[in-house]
Protein backbone atom coordinates (compact mmCIF):
# COMPACT_ATOMS: atom_id res chain seq x y z
CA MET A 1 12.53 -8.00 -98.69
CA THR A 2 8.96 -7.09 -99.07
CA PRO A 3 8.59 -3.19 -97.13
CA SER A 4 6.46 -3.09 -94.49
CA ARG A 5 3.06 -1.03 -95.63
CA VAL A 6 2.50 2.28 -93.42
CA MET A 7 -0.95 3.66 -93.57
CA VAL A 8 -0.33 7.86 -91.66
CA VAL A 9 -3.59 8.71 -90.08
CA ASP A 10 -3.90 12.54 -88.95
CA ASP A 11 -6.79 14.74 -89.75
CA HIS A 12 -3.60 17.45 -91.32
CA PRO A 13 -2.57 17.37 -94.82
CA VAL A 14 0.73 18.65 -93.71
CA VAL A 15 2.07 15.31 -91.57
CA ARG A 16 0.16 13.27 -94.11
CA ASP A 17 2.63 14.54 -96.74
CA GLY A 18 5.19 14.90 -94.70
CA VAL A 19 5.69 11.46 -93.35
CA ALA A 20 4.70 9.91 -96.62
CA LEU A 21 8.40 12.42 -97.92
CA LEU A 22 10.52 11.08 -95.14
CA LEU A 23 9.41 7.31 -95.76
CA ARG A 24 10.20 7.78 -99.03
CA GLY A 25 14.11 7.22 -98.97
CA GLU A 26 13.56 4.42 -96.42
CA PRO A 27 12.86 1.22 -98.93
CA ALA A 28 11.85 -0.83 -95.99
CA LEU A 29 9.10 1.18 -95.51
CA VAL A 30 5.97 2.24 -97.76
CA VAL A 31 3.01 4.66 -97.02
CA VAL A 32 0.25 2.64 -98.98
CA GLY A 33 -2.52 5.33 -97.48
CA SER A 34 -4.03 7.81 -95.21
CA ALA A 35 -6.80 8.96 -93.27
CA GLU A 36 -7.39 12.20 -91.90
CA SER A 37 -10.15 10.94 -89.26
CA GLY A 38 -11.11 7.95 -87.40
CA ARG A 39 -13.89 7.09 -88.78
CA SER A 40 -12.26 6.64 -92.52
CA ALA A 41 -9.51 4.95 -90.95
CA LEU A 42 -10.91 2.15 -89.60
CA GLU A 43 -13.39 2.26 -93.63
CA ARG A 44 -9.76 2.52 -95.30
CA ALA A 45 -7.32 -0.89 -93.01
CA PRO A 46 -8.93 -3.47 -94.15
CA GLY A 47 -8.45 -2.66 -97.58
CA LEU A 48 -4.74 -1.03 -97.68
CA ARG A 49 -3.93 -4.13 -95.08
CA PRO A 50 -1.53 -2.08 -93.22
CA ASP A 51 1.15 -3.58 -91.14
CA LEU A 52 1.98 -0.51 -89.37
CA VAL A 53 -0.09 2.41 -88.57
CA LEU A 54 0.30 5.49 -87.36
CA LEU A 55 -1.84 7.06 -85.61
CA ASP A 56 -2.62 10.84 -84.59
CA LEU A 57 -3.87 11.02 -80.65
CA ARG A 58 -6.47 13.81 -81.59
CA LEU A 59 -8.51 12.89 -84.52
CA PRO A 60 -12.08 15.80 -84.94
CA ASP A 61 -14.70 12.53 -84.81
CA MET A 62 -12.85 9.89 -82.38
CA LEU A 63 -11.25 9.42 -79.69
CA ALA A 64 -7.80 7.63 -80.11
CA PRO A 65 -8.41 4.08 -77.97
CA GLU A 66 -11.20 3.60 -79.68
CA ILE A 67 -9.82 4.03 -83.03
CA VAL A 68 -6.66 1.64 -81.60
CA ALA A 69 -9.63 -1.28 -80.34
CA GLY A 70 -11.39 -1.07 -84.30
CA LEU A 71 -8.13 -1.27 -85.70
CA ARG A 72 -7.31 -4.20 -83.72
CA ASP A 73 -10.54 -5.67 -84.59
CA LEU A 74 -10.21 -5.29 -88.37
CA VAL A 75 -6.43 -5.47 -89.07
CA PRO A 76 -5.18 -7.52 -86.30
CA GLU A 77 -1.59 -8.13 -87.43
CA ALA A 78 -0.71 -3.98 -88.14
CA ARG A 79 1.33 -2.80 -85.53
CA ILE A 80 -0.32 0.84 -84.08
CA VAL A 81 1.87 3.73 -82.72
CA VAL A 82 0.34 6.54 -81.63
CA PHE A 83 1.68 10.29 -82.96
CA THR A 84 1.25 13.36 -81.10
CA ALA A 85 2.57 16.60 -79.99
CA HIS A 86 1.29 16.48 -76.47
CA GLY A 87 3.55 14.00 -75.00
CA ASP A 88 2.44 14.39 -71.41
CA HIS A 89 -1.92 13.44 -72.46
CA GLY A 90 -3.49 11.04 -70.49
CA GLY A 91 -4.71 10.01 -73.90
CA VAL A 92 -1.57 8.80 -74.57
CA GLN A 93 -1.94 5.96 -71.89
CA ALA A 94 -4.67 5.16 -72.90
CA ALA A 95 -4.18 4.45 -76.30
CA LEU A 96 -1.62 1.95 -75.34
CA ASP A 97 -4.34 0.27 -72.79
CA ALA A 98 -6.55 0.05 -75.86
CA GLY A 99 -3.30 -1.78 -77.06
CA ALA A 100 -1.33 0.60 -79.02
CA HIS A 101 2.88 -0.63 -80.18
CA GLY A 102 4.40 2.70 -79.16
CA ALA A 103 3.90 6.46 -78.67
CA LEU A 104 5.61 8.73 -80.47
CA LEU A 105 6.31 12.93 -80.78
CA LYS A 106 5.79 14.67 -83.58
CA ASP A 107 9.14 16.88 -83.32
CA ALA A 108 10.99 13.14 -83.38
CA ALA A 109 13.94 13.34 -86.07
CA ALA A 110 13.55 11.91 -89.06
CA THR A 111 16.51 9.26 -88.20
CA ASP A 112 15.19 8.20 -84.96
CA LEU A 113 11.03 7.59 -86.68
CA VAL A 114 12.24 5.56 -88.58
CA ALA A 115 14.20 3.72 -86.48
CA ALA A 116 11.43 3.79 -83.61
CA LEU A 117 9.26 2.23 -86.73
CA ARG A 118 11.64 -0.55 -87.50
CA ARG A 119 11.58 -1.73 -83.68
CA VAL A 120 8.21 -1.56 -83.39
CA LEU A 121 7.49 -4.08 -86.73
CA ARG A 122 10.13 -6.37 -84.85
CA GLY A 123 7.22 -6.42 -81.93
CA GLU A 124 8.58 -3.99 -79.76
CA ARG A 125 6.82 -1.97 -77.82
CA VAL A 126 8.55 2.06 -78.17
CA SER A 127 7.49 5.27 -76.36
CA ASP A 128 9.55 8.32 -76.80
CA PRO A 129 11.95 8.66 -73.79
CA ARG A 130 10.24 12.52 -73.42
CA MET A 131 6.77 10.84 -72.52
CA VAL A 132 5.46 12.12 -69.55
CA PRO A 133 4.38 9.30 -67.02
CA GLY A 134 0.36 10.12 -67.21
CA GLU A 135 -0.74 8.40 -63.84
CA ALA A 136 0.62 11.27 -61.12
CA GLY A 137 -1.55 13.99 -63.57
CA ARG A 138 -4.45 10.97 -63.50
CA ASN A 139 -4.84 10.57 -60.02
CA GLU A 140 -4.90 14.40 -60.29
CA ALA A 141 -7.66 14.70 -62.74
CA LEU A 142 -9.76 11.09 -61.04
CA ALA A 143 -9.70 13.42 -57.30
CA ARG A 144 -11.18 16.58 -59.25
CA SER A 145 -13.92 14.47 -60.79
CA GLY A 146 -14.89 12.63 -57.76
CA LEU A 147 -15.37 9.54 -59.20
CA THR A 148 -14.85 6.52 -57.97
CA ARG A 149 -12.19 4.02 -58.56
CA ARG A 150 -14.52 1.86 -60.59
CA GLU A 151 -16.12 4.39 -62.28
CA TYR A 152 -13.24 5.40 -63.74
CA GLU A 153 -12.14 2.10 -64.04
CA VAL A 154 -15.69 1.45 -66.33
CA LEU A 155 -15.21 4.57 -67.72
CA GLY A 156 -12.25 3.26 -70.05
CA PHE A 157 -13.74 0.03 -71.11
CA ALA A 158 -16.07 1.94 -72.88
CA ALA A 159 -13.52 4.98 -74.05
CA GLN A 160 -12.28 1.44 -75.66
CA GLY A 161 -15.27 0.65 -77.25
CA ARG A 162 -16.33 -1.88 -75.54
CA THR A 163 -20.15 -2.86 -74.50
CA ASN A 164 -21.95 -3.48 -71.46
CA PRO A 165 -21.61 -6.93 -71.38
CA GLU A 166 -18.30 -6.80 -72.93
CA ILE A 167 -17.41 -4.51 -69.63
CA ALA A 168 -19.07 -6.89 -66.96
CA ASP A 169 -17.04 -9.91 -68.75
CA ALA A 170 -13.30 -8.52 -68.55
CA THR A 171 -14.16 -6.99 -64.89
CA GLY A 172 -16.51 -10.07 -63.27
CA LEU A 173 -18.97 -7.05 -62.60
CA ALA A 174 -23.02 -8.17 -63.23
CA ARG A 175 -24.62 -5.88 -66.47
CA ASN A 176 -26.39 -3.76 -64.09
CA THR A 177 -23.39 -3.34 -61.84
CA VAL A 178 -21.66 -2.24 -64.71
CA LYS A 179 -24.69 0.43 -65.86
CA THR A 180 -24.89 1.35 -62.38
CA TYR A 181 -21.16 2.92 -62.24
CA LEU A 182 -21.79 3.96 -65.53
CA GLN A 183 -24.83 6.11 -65.17
CA ALA A 184 -22.43 7.68 -61.68
CA ALA A 185 -19.79 8.66 -63.83
CA LEU A 186 -22.38 10.26 -66.40
CA HIS A 187 -23.73 12.08 -63.69
CA LYS A 188 -20.80 12.89 -62.10
CA LEU A 189 -19.11 15.00 -65.69
CA GLY A 190 -22.31 17.06 -66.11
CA ALA A 191 -22.54 14.36 -69.25
CA ARG A 192 -26.05 13.17 -70.98
CA ASN A 193 -24.56 10.11 -72.76
CA ARG A 194 -21.25 7.60 -72.96
CA VAL A 195 -19.68 9.77 -75.72
CA GLU A 196 -20.09 13.06 -74.34
CA ALA A 197 -18.52 11.67 -70.61
CA ILE A 198 -15.95 9.77 -73.08
CA GLY A 199 -15.26 13.76 -74.56
CA LYS A 200 -15.52 15.30 -70.99
CA ALA A 201 -13.12 12.59 -69.12
CA SER A 202 -10.88 12.90 -71.96
CA GLU A 203 -10.89 17.23 -71.99
CA ALA A 204 -10.01 16.62 -68.06
CA GLY A 205 -7.09 14.17 -68.93
CA LEU A 206 -8.23 11.40 -67.06
CA LEU A 207 -8.75 9.43 -70.56
């Protein structure tokens, strides 16, 4: 049987090397490449043709939901699993909402990790049972931010890398209305542009 091709995306070499070492004894899974940033992941993924991408939640250059959305476009057959040390971070749910197929904690035992990756490759959605649902924390952060539900919804689509016309199509809103909601969100978050707004919203636990 042909082994499944795994790509590891993490800015820490010890994590990339550790996963490669861990999977070396697993004939059904082979690490075919890695990336240290979101941009390099999107550049290398088409050439590596991974069946599964193990993606760090926090990378220095891009938010996980943006990377997930990009990978879904570039390598649509690949399964994407968020790999994080922060189980209660709102970004986990945002990445799942953007199309990730699972979320695992980095301290998972080797046998648990391999079993989880096999399940994802079989088509299941897998999350570590220790993950804390982020809904309550997001609701609290939303109340503090002053964002309305619509502003939050539009900002969430922006965090997935969608353009204003795409957000309009997804929400059924007029394009000018989408622009108004985004501008209101930027103002409330004290951001100068949508990238800064997404960063501030992520830091506040909203995304």
